[in-house]
Amino acid sequence: MGRAADRRGVIRIDLDAAEGRTSVRRPDTIAAEEPLEIRVGAAGPGRRRPLAVTMRTPGDDLDLALGFLLTEGLIRSTDDVQTAQLCAGAETPNTYNVVDVVLAPGVPEPATDPARNFYTTSSCGVCGKASIEAVRTRSLFPVRDDPLTVPAAVLADLPDRLRASQRGFERTGGLHAAGLFTPDGKLVVLREDVGRHNAVDKVIGWAVRERRLPLANHLLLVSGRASFELTQKAWMAGVPLLAAVSAPSTLAVDLAEEAGLTLVGFLRGRTMNVYAGPQRVTVD
């Protein structure tokens, strides 16, 4: 498996240095970005077929694959997977950039026509979809009925708690994070990645592996903006509240309202905007 970060030489330019403008060569730690191929197939001697390639930061790759399959509606629970293992690709045998997933007996194999072939960059979680219909997946979990409530004061503290646990960002300054929290603000699990959607899939994949679905009575915080695909992933995992430190999109708000999911954006300092599901955010 590749490293989550690497050291590279850079030219550091400081126009405000006390001794005058400086230009110094020095090493810098940068976040790794490598392709991960997800192969899926039924049990038996047949070869698993490539389903998706995503650009990600190496680490927690099995969680990433399981989270991706869950949020795309291809599996419903841990029981739908017989085995999942990280293995080397044929072209790069020393780099473990392939996850091989064997589905449990009776679980239908995903179609591999153009509508279900995925290539996702680190910035986009739906880039490989061939039609509008392929973008939408519906959750098994009725988050609208989730009775979760969270004090606004607890929400306001979460970005600092997330940031304090971001070891990769501390080293590189180049990783997004997704954190799963309890209603009282306790961090349950955190994952980092160059892709926002990958970080969320890693959290959800952890929940799949730990048999924690649905993630009722929990909230998900992301370090960037709240896009359509992140809102959809939260819904697919049964998360009733999604919060983001940056802005949501119109489709994210529309989907949150459709799902009955609470969507909070611009969670910074002591202020926030509640775009959907305001009944879950309490103000004393």
Protein backbone atom coordinates (compact mmCIF):
# COMPACT_ATOMS: atom_id res chain seq x y z
CA MET A 1 0.00 0.00 0.00
CA GLY A 2 1.25 3.49 -0.79
CA ARG A 3 2.03 6.08 1.80
CA ALA A 4 -0.47 8.72 2.88
CA ALA A 5 2.17 11.45 2.49
CA ASP A 6 5.54 11.95 0.85
CA ARG A 7 8.47 14.36 1.09
CA ARG A 8 9.36 16.48 -1.92
CA GLY A 9 11.76 19.34 -2.45
CA VAL A 10 10.27 22.82 -2.88
CA ILE A 11 11.49 26.38 -3.24
CA ARG A 12 10.15 28.36 -0.28
CA ILE A 13 9.69 32.06 -1.09
CA ASP A 14 9.01 34.54 1.73
CA LEU A 15 8.33 38.11 0.64
CA ASP A 16 7.88 39.33 4.21
CA ALA A 17 10.97 37.84 5.88
CA ALA A 18 12.58 40.12 8.45
CA GLU A 19 15.94 39.87 6.71
CA GLY A 20 14.41 40.71 3.33
CA ARG A 21 12.83 38.60 0.62
CA THR A 22 14.18 35.05 0.69
CA SER A 23 14.17 32.02 -1.57
CA VAL A 24 15.21 28.78 0.12
CA ARG A 25 15.12 25.17 -1.03
CA ARG A 26 13.74 22.81 1.59
CA PRO A 27 11.74 19.54 1.91
CA ASP A 28 7.98 19.67 2.26
CA THR A 29 5.42 17.02 3.21
CA ILE A 30 2.58 16.65 0.72
CA ALA A 31 -0.55 14.49 0.70
CA ALA A 32 -0.40 11.38 -1.47
CA GLU A 33 -2.87 10.81 -4.27
CA GLU A 34 -3.01 7.42 -5.97
CA PRO A 35 -5.64 5.48 -7.95
CA LEU A 36 -7.59 2.72 -6.24
CA GLU A 37 -9.39 0.17 -8.40
CA ILE A 38 -12.41 -1.57 -6.89
CA ARG A 39 -13.19 -4.97 -8.36
CA VAL A 40 -16.46 -6.73 -7.56
CA GLY A 41 -17.83 -10.17 -8.39
CA ALA A 42 -19.65 -13.23 -7.16
CA ALA A 43 -18.08 -16.04 -5.19
CA GLY A 44 -16.34 -18.71 -7.19
CA PRO A 45 -13.38 -19.08 -9.52
CA GLY A 46 -14.49 -16.31 -11.86
CA ARG A 47 -12.39 -13.17 -11.95
CA ARG A 48 -13.77 -10.08 -10.29
CA ARG A 49 -14.50 -7.30 -12.78
CA PRO A 50 -13.32 -3.71 -12.38
CA LEU A 51 -16.16 -1.49 -11.24
CA ALA A 52 -14.58 1.78 -10.23
CA VAL A 53 -11.33 3.71 -10.07
CA THR A 54 -11.08 6.53 -7.58
CA MET A 55 -8.21 8.89 -6.85
CA ARG A 56 -7.59 8.70 -3.13
CA THR A 57 -5.05 9.00 -0.33
CA PRO A 58 -3.82 5.48 0.56
CA GLY A 59 -5.09 4.19 3.88
CA ASP A 60 -8.36 2.63 5.10
CA ASP A 61 -8.84 1.33 1.56
CA LEU A 62 -11.15 -1.53 2.55
CA ASP A 63 -13.39 0.96 4.35
CA LEU A 64 -13.33 3.17 1.26
CA ALA A 65 -14.42 0.31 -0.99
CA LEU A 66 -17.19 -0.86 1.35
CA GLY A 67 -18.44 2.68 1.85
CA PHE A 68 -18.47 3.27 -1.89
CA LEU A 69 -20.45 0.10 -2.55
CA LEU A 70 -22.94 0.94 0.21
CA THR A 71 -23.51 4.53 -0.84
CA GLU A 72 -23.93 3.51 -4.47
CA GLY A 73 -26.65 1.08 -3.43
CA LEU A 74 -24.69 -1.99 -4.55
CA ILE A 75 -24.64 -3.58 -1.10
CA ARG A 76 -26.98 -3.08 1.83
CA SER A 77 -24.99 -4.37 4.79
CA THR A 78 -21.92 -6.29 5.90
CA ASP A 79 -23.75 -9.54 5.16
CA ASP A 80 -23.74 -8.74 1.43
CA VAL A 81 -19.94 -9.08 1.33
CA GLN A 82 -18.20 -12.44 1.63
CA THR A 83 -14.62 -11.13 1.51
CA ALA A 84 -12.83 -7.88 0.75
CA GLN A 85 -9.08 -7.77 0.41
CA LEU A 86 -6.39 -5.37 -0.70
CA CYS A 87 -4.15 -6.73 -3.43
CA ALA A 88 -1.53 -5.61 -5.89
CA GLY A 89 -2.31 -4.62 -9.43
CA ALA A 90 -0.77 -6.39 -12.39
CA GLU A 91 1.06 -3.30 -13.64
CA THR A 92 2.35 -2.18 -10.24
CA PRO A 93 2.87 -5.39 -8.24
CA ASN A 94 4.57 -3.63 -5.32
CA THR A 95 1.77 -1.11 -4.85
CA TYR A 96 -1.47 -2.31 -3.31
CA ASN A 97 -3.95 -0.20 -5.23
CA VAL A 98 -6.67 -2.78 -5.87
CA VAL A 99 -9.51 -3.88 -3.57
CA ASP A 100 -11.07 -7.20 -4.53
CA VAL A 101 -14.62 -7.65 -3.21
CA VAL A 102 -16.42 -11.00 -3.32
CA LEU A 103 -20.15 -10.67 -2.87
CA ALA A 104 -22.10 -13.06 -0.66
CA PRO A 105 -24.16 -15.78 -2.38
CA GLY A 106 -27.39 -14.40 -3.76
CA VAL A 107 -26.21 -10.78 -3.95
CA PRO A 108 -26.53 -9.60 -7.56
CA GLU A 109 -23.39 -8.48 -9.29
CA PRO A 110 -23.37 -4.84 -10.37
CA ALA A 111 -23.83 -4.15 -14.04
CA THR A 112 -20.69 -3.02 -15.80
CA ASP A 113 -22.30 -1.16 -18.67
CA PRO A 114 -21.29 2.51 -19.21
CA ALA A 115 -23.97 3.71 -16.78
CA ARG A 116 -22.29 1.84 -13.92
CA ASN A 117 -18.63 2.33 -14.77
CA PHE A 118 -17.08 4.85 -12.43
CA TYR A 119 -14.03 7.02 -12.59
CA THR A 120 -13.95 9.54 -9.77
CA THR A 121 -11.40 12.24 -9.16
CA SER A 122 -10.44 13.46 -5.72
CA SER A 123 -12.77 16.45 -6.18
CA CYS A 124 -15.85 14.73 -7.62
CA GLY A 125 -17.75 11.73 -6.39
CA VAL A 126 -20.14 11.33 -9.32
CA CYS A 127 -17.86 11.99 -12.30
CA GLY A 128 -18.25 8.54 -13.81
CA LYS A 129 -22.02 8.41 -13.98
CA ALA A 130 -23.33 8.15 -17.53
CA SER A 131 -26.84 9.51 -16.92
CA ILE A 132 -28.88 11.62 -14.52
CA GLU A 133 -30.78 8.50 -13.44
CA ALA A 134 -27.51 6.81 -12.46
CA VAL A 135 -26.69 9.63 -10.05
CA ARG A 136 -29.68 9.04 -7.79
CA THR A 137 -29.78 6.22 -5.27
CA ARG A 138 -32.40 5.89 -2.55
CA SER A 139 -31.70 5.00 1.04
CA LEU A 140 -33.16 2.08 2.93
CA PHE A 141 -33.13 4.13 6.12
CA PRO A 142 -35.95 6.57 7.05
CA VAL A 143 -33.85 9.40 8.47
CA ARG A 144 -36.92 11.66 8.50
CA ASP A 145 -38.16 9.79 11.57
CA ASP A 146 -34.87 10.02 13.49
CA PRO A 147 -35.50 11.92 16.77
CA LEU A 148 -31.92 13.25 17.03
CA THR A 149 -31.50 16.74 18.47
CA VAL A 150 -28.19 18.56 18.92
CA PRO A 151 -27.62 21.83 20.78
CA ALA A 152 -26.21 24.54 18.53
CA ALA A 153 -23.48 25.10 21.11
CA VAL A 154 -22.31 21.49 20.64
CA LEU A 155 -22.27 21.89 16.86
CA ALA A 156 -20.20 25.05 17.18
CA ASP A 157 -17.43 23.15 18.97
CA LEU A 158 -17.17 20.31 16.46
CA PRO A 159 -14.96 21.91 13.75
CA ASP A 160 -12.22 22.52 16.34
CA ARG A 161 -12.54 18.93 17.58
CA LEU A 162 -12.34 17.64 14.03
CA ARG A 163 -9.35 19.80 13.22
CA ALA A 164 -7.51 18.73 16.39
CA SER A 165 -7.75 15.08 15.30
CA GLN A 166 -6.60 15.60 11.70
CA ARG A 167 -3.10 14.17 11.84
CA GLY A 168 -2.72 14.07 8.08
CA PHE A 169 -3.80 17.67 7.61
CA GLU A 170 -1.39 18.73 10.32
CA ARG A 171 1.47 17.26 8.30
CA THR A 172 0.39 18.21 4.78
CA GLY A 173 -2.30 20.89 4.87
CA GLY A 174 -3.89 19.04 1.96
CA LEU A 175 -6.44 16.55 3.27
CA HIS A 176 -10.18 16.74 3.79
CA ALA A 177 -11.77 15.10 6.81
CA ALA A 178 -15.08 13.52 7.74
CA GLY A 179 -15.96 12.84 11.35
CA LEU A 180 -18.82 10.91 12.92
CA PHE A 181 -20.03 12.37 16.22
CA THR A 182 -22.55 11.54 18.94
CA PRO A 183 -25.22 14.11 19.88
CA ASP A 184 -23.10 15.29 22.82
CA GLY A 185 -20.09 15.98 20.59
CA LYS A 186 -17.99 12.85 21.13
CA LEU A 187 -15.90 11.88 18.10
CA VAL A 188 -16.61 8.27 17.13
CA VAL A 189 -14.42 7.93 14.03
CA LEU A 190 -12.48 10.24 11.71
CA ARG A 191 -11.09 9.62 8.25
CA GLU A 192 -8.97 11.83 5.97
CA ASP A 193 -8.44 11.85 2.22
CA VAL A 194 -7.61 14.19 -0.65
CA GLY A 195 -11.20 13.61 -1.78
CA ARG A 196 -14.11 14.81 0.35
CA HIS A 197 -16.32 12.00 -0.90
CA ASN A 198 -13.58 9.45 -0.18
CA ALA A 199 -13.28 10.63 3.42
CA VAL A 200 -17.04 10.16 3.84
CA ASP A 201 -16.95 6.73 2.18
CA LYS A 202 -14.15 5.70 4.56
CA VAL A 203 -16.30 6.66 7.56
CA ILE A 204 -19.34 4.84 6.17
CA GLY A 205 -17.24 1.82 5.21
CA TRP A 206 -16.00 1.66 8.79
CA ALA A 207 -19.63 1.60 9.91
CA VAL A 208 -20.39 -1.20 7.43
CA ARG A 209 -17.46 -3.26 8.67
CA GLU A 210 -18.37 -2.63 12.33
CA ARG A 211 -22.06 -3.43 11.71
CA ARG A 212 -23.09 0.02 12.89
CA LEU A 213 -25.62 0.81 10.17
CA PRO A 214 -27.87 2.68 10.16
CA LEU A 215 -26.01 5.56 11.75
CA ALA A 216 -29.10 6.79 13.56
CA ASN A 217 -28.67 9.32 16.36
CA HIS A 218 -25.30 10.44 14.95
CA LEU A 219 -24.13 13.42 12.95
CA LEU A 220 -21.54 13.69 10.22
CA LEU A 221 -19.20 16.67 9.90
CA VAL A 222 -17.19 17.36 6.74
CA SER A 223 -14.32 19.81 6.46
CA GLY A 224 -15.35 21.27 3.09
CA ARG A 225 -18.60 22.12 1.40
CA ALA A 226 -21.82 20.07 1.48
CA SER A 227 -22.42 18.82 -2.04
CA PHE A 228 -25.17 16.65 -3.48
CA GLU A 229 -23.06 13.49 -3.38
CA LEU A 230 -22.07 13.96 0.28
CA THR A 231 -25.69 14.53 1.26
CA GLN A 232 -26.69 11.41 -0.64
CA LYS A 233 -23.96 9.36 1.05
CA ALA A 234 -25.11 10.56 4.48
CA TRP A 235 -28.69 9.55 3.63
CA MET A 236 -27.62 6.14 2.35
CA ALA A 237 -25.89 5.47 5.70
CA GLY A 238 -28.88 6.64 7.74
CA VAL A 239 -27.19 9.78 9.10
CA PRO A 240 -29.87 12.27 10.20
CA LEU A 241 -27.65 15.38 10.36
CA LEU A 242 -24.89 16.50 7.99
CA ALA A 243 -22.81 19.56 8.89
CA ALA A 244 -20.16 21.31 6.83
CA VAL A 245 -17.75 24.11 7.54
CA SER A 246 -18.42 25.58 4.11
CA ALA A 247 -21.38 26.15 1.80
CA PRO A 248 -23.99 23.68 0.55
CA SER A 249 -25.22 23.46 -3.01
CA THR A 250 -28.83 23.83 -4.16
CA LEU A 251 -29.08 20.11 -4.93
CA ALA A 252 -27.71 19.27 -1.49
CA VAL A 253 -30.44 21.35 0.14
CA ASP A 254 -33.13 19.87 -2.11
CA LEU A 255 -32.03 16.32 -1.36
CA ALA A 256 -31.82 16.99 2.39
CA GLU A 257 -35.38 18.29 2.36
CA GLU A 258 -36.57 15.29 0.35
CA ALA A 259 -34.87 12.85 2.73
CA GLY A 260 -35.85 14.63 5.94
CA LEU A 261 -32.18 15.12 6.74
CA THR A 262 -30.86 18.12 8.66
CA LEU A 263 -28.26 20.11 6.71
CA VAL A 264 -26.01 22.68 8.41
CA GLY A 265 -23.53 24.82 6.49
CA PHE A 266 -21.01 27.55 7.23
CA LEU A 267 -20.35 25.99 10.64
CA ARG A 268 -17.64 28.40 11.72
CA GLY A 269 -16.96 29.93 15.11
CA ARG A 270 -20.23 30.56 16.89
CA THR A 271 -22.40 30.88 13.77
CA MET A 272 -24.00 28.44 11.37
CA ASN A 273 -26.79 28.24 8.78
CA VAL A 274 -29.43 25.53 8.99
CA TYR A 275 -30.67 24.84 5.47
CA ALA A 276 -32.97 21.87 6.12
CA GLY A 277 -34.41 20.03 9.11
CA PRO A 278 -34.08 22.87 11.67
CA GLN A 279 -36.02 20.91 14.30
CA ARG A 280 -32.90 18.92 15.14
CA VAL A 281 -30.79 21.96 16.08
CA THR A 282 -31.76 23.41 19.43
CA VAL A 283 -30.90 26.88 20.73
CA ASP A 284 -31.03 27.34 24.50
